[in-house]
Amino acid sequence: YRTAALAADRIITDSSFSREEITAAYRIPAGKIDVVP
């Protein structure tokens, strides 16, 4: 999971909460993560 997240060109997640959690878990910039409900 970590390898895929760090290698991704973009990440999709379901909520703003999850975007914050992904940023905290993997140090991935929030701007690279799209919230798509």
PDB file of all heavy atoms in Angstrom:
ATOM      1  N   TYR A   1       0.825  -1.200   0.000  1.00  0.00           N
ATOM      2  CA  TYR A   1       0.000   0.000   0.000  1.00  0.00           C
ATOM      3  C   TYR A   1       0.869   1.264   0.000  1.00  0.00           C
ATOM      4  O   TYR A   1       0.606   2.216  -0.750  1.00  0.00           O
ATOM      5  CB  TYR A   1      -0.911   0.020   1.230  1.00  0.00           C
ATOM      6  CG  TYR A   1      -2.022  -1.009   1.226  1.00  0.00           C
ATOM      7  CD1 TYR A   1      -2.865  -1.142   2.317  1.00  0.00           C
ATOM      8  CD2 TYR A   1      -2.243  -1.850   0.140  1.00  0.00           C
ATOM      9  CE1 TYR A   1      -3.902  -2.065   2.335  1.00  0.00           C
ATOM     10  CE2 TYR A   1      -3.271  -2.787   0.140  1.00  0.00           C
ATOM     11  CZ  TYR A   1      -4.094  -2.889   1.247  1.00  0.00           C
ATOM     12  OH  TYR A   1      -5.111  -3.816   1.264  1.00  0.00           O
ATOM     13  N   ARG A   2       1.885   1.281   0.833  1.00  0.00           N
ATOM     14  CA  ARG A   2       2.766   2.457   0.906  1.00  0.00           C
ATOM     15  C   ARG A   2       3.501   2.661  -0.415  1.00  0.00           C
ATOM     16  O   ARG A   2       3.590   3.790  -0.917  1.00  0.00           O
ATOM     17  CB  ARG A   2       3.760   2.287   2.061  1.00  0.00           C
ATOM     18  CG  ARG A   2       4.790   3.417   2.173  1.00  0.00           C
ATOM     19  CD  ARG A   2       5.712   3.189   3.357  1.00  0.00           C
ATOM     20  NE  ARG A   2       4.995   3.385   4.599  1.00  0.00           N
ATOM     21  CZ  ARG A   2       4.872   4.564   5.203  1.00  0.00           C
ATOM     22  NH1 ARG A   2       5.404   5.655   4.676  1.00  0.00           N
ATOM     23  NH2 ARG A   2       4.227   4.661   6.348  1.00  0.00           N
ATOM     24  N   THR A   3       4.016   1.577  -0.985  1.00  0.00           N
ATOM     25  CA  THR A   3       4.755   1.677  -2.245  1.00  0.00           C
ATOM     26  C   THR A   3       3.867   2.244  -3.352  1.00  0.00           C
ATOM     27  O   THR A   3       4.289   3.119  -4.119  1.00  0.00           O
ATOM     28  CB  THR A   3       5.295   0.293  -2.655  1.00  0.00           C
ATOM     29  OG1 THR A   3       6.171  -0.184  -1.620  1.00  0.00           O
ATOM     30  CG2 THR A   3       6.047   0.364  -3.966  1.00  0.00           C
ATOM     31  N   ALA A   4       2.636   1.757  -3.437  1.00  0.00           N
ATOM     32  CA  ALA A   4       1.712   2.239  -4.469  1.00  0.00           C
ATOM     33  C   ALA A   4       1.374   3.713  -4.257  1.00  0.00           C
ATOM     34  O   ALA A   4       1.314   4.491  -5.220  1.00  0.00           O
ATOM     35  CB  ALA A   4       0.446   1.399  -4.463  1.00  0.00           C
ATOM     36  N   ALA A   5       1.153   4.101  -3.014  1.00  0.00           N
ATOM     37  CA  ALA A   5       0.812   5.497  -2.733  1.00  0.00           C
ATOM     38  C   ALA A   5       1.942   6.440  -3.126  1.00  0.00           C
ATOM     39  O   ALA A   5       1.718   7.490  -3.743  1.00  0.00           O
ATOM     40  CB  ALA A   5       0.474   5.658  -1.254  1.00  0.00           C
ATOM     41  N   LEU A   6       3.162   6.068  -2.790  1.00  0.00           N
ATOM     42  CA  LEU A   6       4.307   6.943  -3.066  1.00  0.00           C
ATOM     43  C   LEU A   6       4.647   6.986  -4.550  1.00  0.00           C
ATOM     44  O   LEU A   6       5.183   7.989  -5.043  1.00  0.00           O
ATOM     45  CB  LEU A   6       5.516   6.486  -2.255  1.00  0.00           C
ATOM     46  CG  LEU A   6       5.367   6.608  -0.732  1.00  0.00           C
ATOM     47  CD1 LEU A   6       6.582   6.024  -0.019  1.00  0.00           C
ATOM     48  CD2 LEU A   6       5.154   8.060  -0.313  1.00  0.00           C
ATOM     49  N   ALA A   7       4.338   5.908  -5.272  1.00  0.00           N
ATOM     50  CA  ALA A   7       4.664   5.853  -6.699  1.00  0.00           C
ATOM     51  C   ALA A   7       3.590   6.482  -7.575  1.00  0.00           C
ATOM     52  O   ALA A   7       3.840   6.790  -8.748  1.00  0.00           O
ATOM     53  CB  ALA A   7       4.872   4.400  -7.129  1.00  0.00           C
ATOM     54  N   ALA A   8       2.399   6.702  -7.042  1.00  0.00           N
ATOM     55  CA  ALA A   8       1.278   7.179  -7.845  1.00  0.00           C
ATOM     56  C   ALA A   8       1.531   8.580  -8.378  1.00  0.00           C
ATOM     57  O   ALA A   8       2.118   9.434  -7.690  1.00  0.00           O
ATOM     58  CB  ALA A   8      -0.003   7.170  -7.015  1.00  0.00           C
ATOM     59  N   ASP A   9       1.055   8.829  -9.590  1.00  0.00           N
ATOM     60  CA  ASP A   9       1.103  10.187 -10.141  1.00  0.00           C
ATOM     61  C   ASP A   9       0.006  11.053  -9.546  1.00  0.00           C
ATOM     62  O   ASP A   9       0.182  12.253  -9.355  1.00  0.00           O
ATOM     63  CB  ASP A   9       0.975  10.123 -11.661  1.00  0.00           C
ATOM     64  CG  ASP A   9       2.139   9.364 -12.276  1.00  0.00           C
ATOM     65  OD1 ASP A   9       3.257   9.881 -12.238  1.00  0.00           O
ATOM     66  OD2 ASP A   9       1.913   8.233 -12.744  1.00  0.00           O
ATOM     67  N   ARG A  10      -1.142  10.432  -9.267  1.00  0.00           N
ATOM     68  CA  ARG A  10      -2.187  11.092  -8.492  1.00  0.00           C
ATOM     69  C   ARG A  10      -2.890  10.038  -7.658  1.00  0.00           C
ATOM     70  O   ARG A  10      -2.870   8.844  -7.979  1.00  0.00           O
ATOM     71  CB  ARG A  10      -3.213  11.815  -9.375  1.00  0.00           C
ATOM     72  CG  ARG A  10      -2.654  13.044 -10.056  1.00  0.00           C
ATOM     73  CD  ARG A  10      -3.745  14.026 -10.454  1.00  0.00           C
ATOM     74  NE  ARG A  10      -4.327  14.722  -9.330  1.00  0.00           N
ATOM     75  CZ  ARG A  10      -3.751  15.784  -8.720  1.00  0.00           C
ATOM     76  NH1 ARG A  10      -2.583  16.250  -9.119  1.00  0.00           N
ATOM     77  NH2 ARG A  10      -4.366  16.366  -7.721  1.00  0.00           N
ATOM     78  N   ILE A  11      -3.533  10.514  -6.579  1.00  0.00           N
ATOM     79  CA  ILE A  11      -4.293   9.647  -5.683  1.00  0.00           C
ATOM     80  C   ILE A  11      -5.723  10.158  -5.639  1.00  0.00           C
ATOM     81  O   ILE A  11      -5.964  11.372  -5.604  1.00  0.00           O
ATOM     82  CB  ILE A  11      -3.668   9.634  -4.276  1.00  0.00           C
ATOM     83  CG1 ILE A  11      -2.316   8.904  -4.303  1.00  0.00           C
ATOM     84  CG2 ILE A  11      -4.607   8.981  -3.261  1.00  0.00           C
ATOM     85  CD1 ILE A  11      -1.527   9.036  -3.023  1.00  0.00           C
ATOM     86  N   ILE A  12      -6.654   9.233  -5.669  1.00  0.00           N
ATOM     87  CA  ILE A  12      -8.068   9.535  -5.454  1.00  0.00           C
ATOM     88  C   ILE A  12      -8.462   8.986  -4.095  1.00  0.00           C
ATOM     89  O   ILE A  12      -8.092   7.867  -3.734  1.00  0.00           O
ATOM     90  CB  ILE A  12      -8.946   8.898  -6.548  1.00  0.00           C
ATOM     91  CG1 ILE A  12      -8.720   9.594  -7.893  1.00  0.00           C
ATOM     92  CG2 ILE A  12     -10.423   8.953  -6.174  1.00  0.00           C
ATOM     93  CD1 ILE A  12      -9.414   8.902  -9.049  1.00  0.00           C
ATOM     94  N   THR A  13      -9.223   9.763  -3.342  1.00  0.00           N
ATOM     95  CA  THR A  13      -9.781   9.259  -2.092  1.00  0.00           C
ATOM     96  C   THR A  13     -11.197   9.774  -1.935  1.00  0.00           C
ATOM     97  O   THR A  13     -11.649  10.646  -2.679  1.00  0.00           O
ATOM     98  CB  THR A  13      -8.905   9.630  -0.885  1.00  0.00           C
ATOM     99  OG1 THR A  13      -9.278   8.829   0.244  1.00  0.00           O
ATOM    100  CG2 THR A  13      -9.015  11.108  -0.531  1.00  0.00           C
ATOM    101  N   ASP A  14     -11.929   9.220  -0.955  1.00  0.00           N
ATOM    102  CA  ASP A  14     -13.374   9.418  -0.889  1.00  0.00           C
ATOM    103  C   ASP A  14     -13.807  10.650  -0.106  1.00  0.00           C
ATOM    104  O   ASP A  14     -14.971  11.046  -0.220  1.00  0.00           O
ATOM    105  CB  ASP A  14     -14.032   8.194  -0.230  1.00  0.00           C
ATOM    106  CG  ASP A  14     -13.661   6.885  -0.895  1.00  0.00           C
ATOM    107  OD1 ASP A  14     -13.286   6.910  -2.083  1.00  0.00           O
ATOM    108  OD2 ASP A  14     -13.744   5.834  -0.235  1.00  0.00           O
ATOM    109  N   SER A  15     -12.933  11.236   0.713  1.00  0.00           N
ATOM    110  CA  SER A  15     -13.352  12.322   1.595  1.00  0.00           C
ATOM    111  C   SER A  15     -12.165  13.219   1.921  1.00  0.00           C
ATOM    112  O   SER A  15     -11.003  12.825   1.797  1.00  0.00           O
ATOM    113  CB  SER A  15     -13.925  11.754   2.904  1.00  0.00           C
ATOM    114  OG  SER A  15     -12.922  11.017   3.603  1.00  0.00           O
ATOM    115  N   SER A  16     -12.468  14.431   2.354  1.00  0.00           N
ATOM    116  CA  SER A  16     -11.415  15.342   2.795  1.00  0.00           C
ATOM    117  C   SER A  16     -10.699  14.784   4.016  1.00  0.00           C
ATOM    118  O   SER A  16      -9.484  14.959   4.179  1.00  0.00           O
ATOM    119  CB  SER A  16     -12.008  16.720   3.113  1.00  0.00           C
ATOM    120  OG  SER A  16     -12.530  17.320   1.944  1.00  0.00           O
ATOM    121  N   PHE A  17     -11.450  14.115   4.884  1.00  0.00           N
ATOM    122  CA  PHE A  17     -10.825  13.464   6.039  1.00  0.00           C
ATOM    123  C   PHE A  17      -9.754  12.483   5.592  1.00  0.00           C
ATOM    124  O   PHE A  17      -8.633  12.486   6.111  1.00  0.00           O
ATOM    125  CB  PHE A  17     -11.884  12.741   6.862  1.00  0.00           C
ATOM    126  CG  PHE A  17     -11.318  11.783   7.882  1.00  0.00           C
ATOM    127  CD1 PHE A  17     -10.767  12.244   9.060  1.00  0.00           C
ATOM    128  CD2 PHE A  17     -11.312  10.409   7.642  1.00  0.00           C
ATOM    129  CE1 PHE A  17     -10.218  11.364   9.991  1.00  0.00           C
ATOM    130  CE2 PHE A  17     -10.777   9.528   8.563  1.00  0.00           C
ATOM    131  CZ  PHE A  17     -10.240  10.005   9.743  1.00  0.00           C
ATOM    132  N   SER A  18     -10.075  11.628   4.616  1.00  0.00           N
ATOM    133  CA  SER A  18      -9.093  10.643   4.164  1.00  0.00           C
ATOM    134  C   SER A  18      -7.903  11.310   3.487  1.00  0.00           C
ATOM    135  O   SER A  18      -6.770  10.824   3.598  1.00  0.00           O
ATOM    136  CB  SER A  18      -9.748   9.629   3.221  1.00  0.00           C
ATOM    137  OG  SER A  18     -10.479   8.669   3.955  1.00  0.00           O
ATOM    138  N   ARG A  19      -8.132  12.419   2.785  1.00  0.00           N
ATOM    139  CA  ARG A  19      -6.990  13.135   2.203  1.00  0.00           C
ATOM    140  C   ARG A  19      -6.026  13.580   3.295  1.00  0.00           C
ATOM    141  O   ARG A  19      -4.806  13.418   3.166  1.00  0.00           O
ATOM    142  CB  ARG A  19      -7.467  14.342   1.393  1.00  0.00           C
ATOM    143  CG  ARG A  19      -6.308  15.159   0.809  1.00  0.00           C
ATOM    144  CD  ARG A  19      -6.773  16.188  -0.203  1.00  0.00           C
ATOM    145  NE  ARG A  19      -7.723  17.131   0.382  1.00  0.00           N
ATOM    146  CZ  ARG A  19      -8.398  18.021  -0.330  1.00  0.00           C
ATOM    147  NH1 ARG A  19      -8.243  18.091  -1.648  1.00  0.00           N
ATOM    148  NH2 ARG A  19      -9.242  18.840   0.263  1.00  0.00           N
ATOM    149  N   GLU A  20      -6.544  14.128   4.371  1.00  0.00           N
ATOM    150  CA  GLU A  20      -5.690  14.547   5.483  1.00  0.00           C
ATOM    151  C   GLU A  20      -4.961  13.359   6.102  1.00  0.00           C
ATOM    152  O   GLU A  20      -3.776  13.452   6.462  1.00  0.00           O
ATOM    153  CB  GLU A  20      -6.536  15.255   6.534  1.00  0.00           C
ATOM    154  CG  GLU A  20      -7.121  16.578   6.055  1.00  0.00           C
ATOM    155  CD  GLU A  20      -8.140  17.143   7.035  1.00  0.00           C
ATOM    156  OE1 GLU A  20      -8.351  16.518   8.102  1.00  0.00           O
ATOM    157  OE2 GLU A  20      -8.721  18.204   6.731  1.00  0.00           O
ATOM    158  N   GLU A  21      -5.656  12.234   6.215  1.00  0.00           N
ATOM    159  CA  GLU A  21      -5.044  11.044   6.804  1.00  0.00           C
ATOM    160  C   GLU A  21      -3.944  10.475   5.902  1.00  0.00           C
ATOM    161  O   GLU A  21      -2.898  10.028   6.390  1.00  0.00           O
ATOM    162  CB  GLU A  21      -6.118   9.976   7.051  1.00  0.00           C
ATOM    163  CG  GLU A  21      -7.097  10.313   8.149  1.00  0.00           C
ATOM    164  CD  GLU A  21      -6.479  10.144   9.521  1.00  0.00           C
ATOM    165  OE1 GLU A  21      -6.444   9.010  10.039  1.00  0.00           O
ATOM    166  OE2 GLU A  21      -6.011  11.149  10.082  1.00  0.00           O
ATOM    167  N   ILE A  22      -4.155  10.485   4.590  1.00  0.00           N
ATOM    168  CA  ILE A  22      -3.130  10.004   3.661  1.00  0.00           C
ATOM    169  C   ILE A  22      -1.901  10.893   3.721  1.00  0.00           C
ATOM    170  O   ILE A  22      -0.759  10.415   3.739  1.00  0.00           O
ATOM    171  CB  ILE A  22      -3.705   9.950   2.230  1.00  0.00           C
ATOM    172  CG1 ILE A  22      -4.776   8.865   2.130  1.00  0.00           C
ATOM    173  CG2 ILE A  22      -2.595   9.683   1.204  1.00  0.00           C
ATOM    174  CD1 ILE A  22      -5.630   8.974   0.874  1.00  0.00           C
ATOM    175  N   THR A  23      -2.120  12.206   3.766  1.00  0.00           N
ATOM    176  CA  THR A  23      -1.005  13.150   3.880  1.00  0.00           C
ATOM    177  C   THR A  23      -0.214  12.892   5.156  1.00  0.00           C
ATOM    178  O   THR A  23       1.027  12.889   5.150  1.00  0.00           O
ATOM    179  CB  THR A  23      -1.537  14.591   3.854  1.00  0.00           C
ATOM    180  OG1 THR A  23      -2.112  14.853   2.572  1.00  0.00           O
ATOM    181  CG2 THR A  23      -0.439  15.593   4.111  1.00  0.00           C
ATOM    182  N   ALA A  24      -0.920  12.654   6.254  1.00  0.00           N
ATOM    183  CA  ALA A  24      -0.238  12.399   7.524  1.00  0.00           C
ATOM    184  C   ALA A  24       0.501  11.068   7.522  1.00  0.00           C
ATOM    185  O   ALA A  24       1.595  10.951   8.086  1.00  0.00           O
ATOM    186  CB  ALA A  24      -1.256  12.432   8.665  1.00  0.00           C
ATOM    187  N   ALA A  25      -0.092  10.049   6.894  1.00  0.00           N
ATOM    188  CA  ALA A  25       0.513   8.712   6.918  1.00  0.00           C
ATOM    189  C   ALA A  25       1.725   8.611   6.017  1.00  0.00           C
ATOM    190  O   ALA A  25       2.725   7.966   6.374  1.00  0.00           O
ATOM    191  CB  ALA A  25      -0.525   7.669   6.498  1.00  0.00           C
ATOM    192  N   TYR A  26       1.677   9.260   4.826  1.00  0.00           N
ATOM    193  CA  TYR A  26       2.710   9.045   3.810  1.00  0.00           C
ATOM    194  C   TYR A  26       3.488  10.298   3.428  1.00  0.00           C
ATOM    195  O   TYR A  26       4.369  10.234   2.573  1.00  0.00           O
ATOM    196  CB  TYR A  26       2.061   8.470   2.537  1.00  0.00           C
ATOM    197  CG  TYR A  26       1.417   7.114   2.715  1.00  0.00           C
ATOM    198  CD1 TYR A  26       0.179   6.836   2.130  1.00  0.00           C
ATOM    199  CD2 TYR A  26       2.036   6.110   3.453  1.00  0.00           C
ATOM    200  CE1 TYR A  26      -0.412   5.592   2.266  1.00  0.00           C
ATOM    201  CE2 TYR A  26       1.445   4.874   3.606  1.00  0.00           C
ATOM    202  CZ  TYR A  26       0.221   4.612   3.011  1.00  0.00           C
ATOM    203  OH  TYR A  26      -0.374   3.379   3.156  1.00  0.00           O
ATOM    204  N   ARG A  27       3.139  11.434   4.061  1.00  0.00           N
ATOM    205  CA  ARG A  27       3.789  12.714   3.740  1.00  0.00           C
ATOM    206  C   ARG A  27       3.634  13.066   2.256  1.00  0.00           C
ATOM    207  O   ARG A  27       4.550  13.595   1.630  1.00  0.00           O
ATOM    208  CB  ARG A  27       5.273  12.691   4.131  1.00  0.00           C
ATOM    209  CG  ARG A  27       5.526  12.411   5.596  1.00  0.00           C
ATOM    210  CD  ARG A  27       4.996  13.557   6.469  1.00  0.00           C
ATOM    211  NE  ARG A  27       5.328  13.371   7.860  1.00  0.00           N
ATOM    212  CZ  ARG A  27       4.491  12.873   8.772  1.00  0.00           C
ATOM    213  NH1 ARG A  27       3.271  12.485   8.401  1.00  0.00           N
ATOM    214  NH2 ARG A  27       4.848  12.752  10.024  1.00  0.00           N
ATOM    215  N   ILE A  28       2.488  12.752   1.702  1.00  0.00           N
ATOM    216  CA  ILE A  28       2.171  13.089   0.320  1.00  0.00           C
ATOM    217  C   ILE A  28       1.450  14.431   0.309  1.00  0.00           C
ATOM    218  O   ILE A  28       0.504  14.633   1.079  1.00  0.00           O
ATOM    219  CB  ILE A  28       1.291  11.993  -0.316  1.00  0.00           C
ATOM    220  CG1 ILE A  28       2.090  10.700  -0.459  1.00  0.00           C
ATOM    221  CG2 ILE A  28       0.745  12.430  -1.670  1.00  0.00           C
ATOM    222  CD1 ILE A  28       1.260   9.513  -0.886  1.00  0.00           C
ATOM    223  N   PRO A  29       1.846  15.374  -0.541  1.00  0.00           N
ATOM    224  CA  PRO A  29       1.191  16.681  -0.560  1.00  0.00           C
ATOM    225  C   PRO A  29      -0.301  16.558  -0.864  1.00  0.00           C
ATOM    226  O   PRO A  29      -0.719  15.779  -1.727  1.00  0.00           O
ATOM    227  CB  PRO A  29       1.918  17.434  -1.682  1.00  0.00           C
ATOM    228  CG  PRO A  29       3.219  16.728  -1.841  1.00  0.00           C
ATOM    229  CD  PRO A  29       2.967  15.296  -1.495  1.00  0.00           C
ATOM    230  N   ALA A  30      -1.104  17.353  -0.164  1.00  0.00           N
ATOM    231  CA  ALA A  30      -2.550  17.301  -0.364  1.00  0.00           C
ATOM    232  C   ALA A  30      -2.932  17.654  -1.796  1.00  0.00           C
ATOM    233  O   ALA A  30      -3.947  17.159  -2.314  1.00  0.00           O
ATOM    234  CB  ALA A  30      -3.246  18.249   0.612  1.00  0.00           C
ATOM    235  N   GLY A  31      -2.120  18.484  -2.461  1.00  0.00           N
ATOM    236  CA  GLY A  31      -2.415  18.879  -3.825  1.00  0.00           C
ATOM    237  C   GLY A  31      -2.320  17.748  -4.830  1.00  0.00           C
ATOM    238  O   GLY A  31      -2.769  17.888  -5.971  1.00  0.00           O
ATOM    239  N   LYS A  32      -1.733  16.639  -4.434  1.00  0.00           N
ATOM    240  CA  LYS A  32      -1.609  15.475  -5.305  1.00  0.00           C
ATOM    241  C   LYS A  32      -2.780  14.507  -5.138  1.00  0.00           C
ATOM    242  O   LYS A  32      -2.867  13.496  -5.818  1.00  0.00           O
ATOM    243  CB  LYS A  32      -0.291  14.759  -4.978  1.00  0.00           C
ATOM    244  CG  LYS A  32       0.126  13.662  -5.927  1.00  0.00           C
ATOM    245  CD  LYS A  32       1.472  13.082  -5.496  1.00  0.00           C
ATOM    246  CE  LYS A  32       1.885  11.911  -6.359  1.00  0.00           C
ATOM    247  NZ  LYS A  32       3.192  11.335  -5.929  1.00  0.00           N
ATOM    248  N   ILE A  33      -3.694  14.849  -4.221  1.00  0.00           N
ATOM    249  CA  ILE A  33      -4.786  13.944  -3.852  1.00  0.00           C
ATOM    250  C   ILE A  33      -6.117  14.577  -4.218  1.00  0.00           C
ATOM    251  O   ILE A  33      -6.434  15.691  -3.791  1.00  0.00           O
ATOM    252  CB  ILE A  33      -4.753  13.631  -2.344  1.00  0.00           C
ATOM    253  CG1 ILE A  33      -3.378  13.091  -1.932  1.00  0.00           C
ATOM    254  CG2 ILE A  33      -5.856  12.639  -1.979  1.00  0.00           C
ATOM    255  CD1 ILE A  33      -3.190  12.966  -0.426  1.00  0.00           C
ATOM    256  N   ASP A  34      -6.916  13.885  -5.021  1.00  0.00           N
ATOM    257  CA  ASP A  34      -8.240  14.361  -5.418  1.00  0.00           C
ATOM    258  C   ASP A  34      -9.314  13.705  -4.554  1.00  0.00           C
ATOM    259  O   ASP A  34      -9.356  12.472  -4.440  1.00  0.00           O
ATOM    260  CB  ASP A  34      -8.509  14.027  -6.887  1.00  0.00           C
ATOM    261  CG  ASP A  34      -7.583  14.782  -7.815  1.00  0.00           C
ATOM    262  OD1 ASP A  34      -7.660  16.019  -7.841  1.00  0.00           O
ATOM    263  OD2 ASP A  34      -6.775  14.127  -8.507  1.00  0.00           O
ATOM    264  N   VAL A  35     -10.165  14.521  -3.959  1.00  0.00           N
ATOM    265  CA  VAL A  35     -11.297  14.013  -3.186  1.00  0.00           C
ATOM    266  C   VAL A  35     -12.472  13.806  -4.139  1.00  0.00           C
ATOM    267  O   VAL A  35     -12.968  14.754  -4.746  1.00  0.00           O
ATOM    268  CB  VAL A  35     -11.702  14.982  -2.066  1.00  0.00           C
ATOM    269  CG1 VAL A  35     -12.956  14.491  -1.355  1.00  0.00           C
ATOM    270  CG2 VAL A  35     -10.550  15.136  -1.071  1.00  0.00           C
ATOM    271  N   VAL A  36     -12.880  12.551  -4.289  1.00  0.00           N
ATOM    272  CA  VAL A  36     -13.987  12.197  -5.183  1.00  0.00           C
ATOM    273  C   VAL A  36     -14.990  11.380  -4.361  1.00  0.00           C
ATOM    274  O   VAL A  36     -14.769  10.192  -4.115  1.00  0.00           O
ATOM    275  CB  VAL A  36     -13.496  11.387  -6.397  1.00  0.00           C
ATOM    276  CG1 VAL A  36     -14.670  11.041  -7.307  1.00  0.00           C
ATOM    277  CG2 VAL A  36     -12.428  12.164  -7.170  1.00  0.00           C
ATOM    278  N   PRO A  37     -16.091  11.988  -3.918  1.00  0.00           N
ATOM    279  CA  PRO A  37     -17.054  11.256  -3.088  1.00  0.00           C
ATOM    280  C   PRO A  37     -17.697  10.092  -3.829  1.00  0.00           C
ATOM    281  O   PRO A  37     -17.811  10.093  -5.058  1.00  0.00           O
ATOM    282  CB  PRO A  37     -18.106  12.323  -2.741  1.00  0.00           C
ATOM    283  CG  PRO A  37     -17.434  13.625  -2.988  1.00  0.00           C
ATOM    284  CD  PRO A  37     -16.465  13.392  -4.105  1.00  0.00           C
TER     285      PRO A  37
END
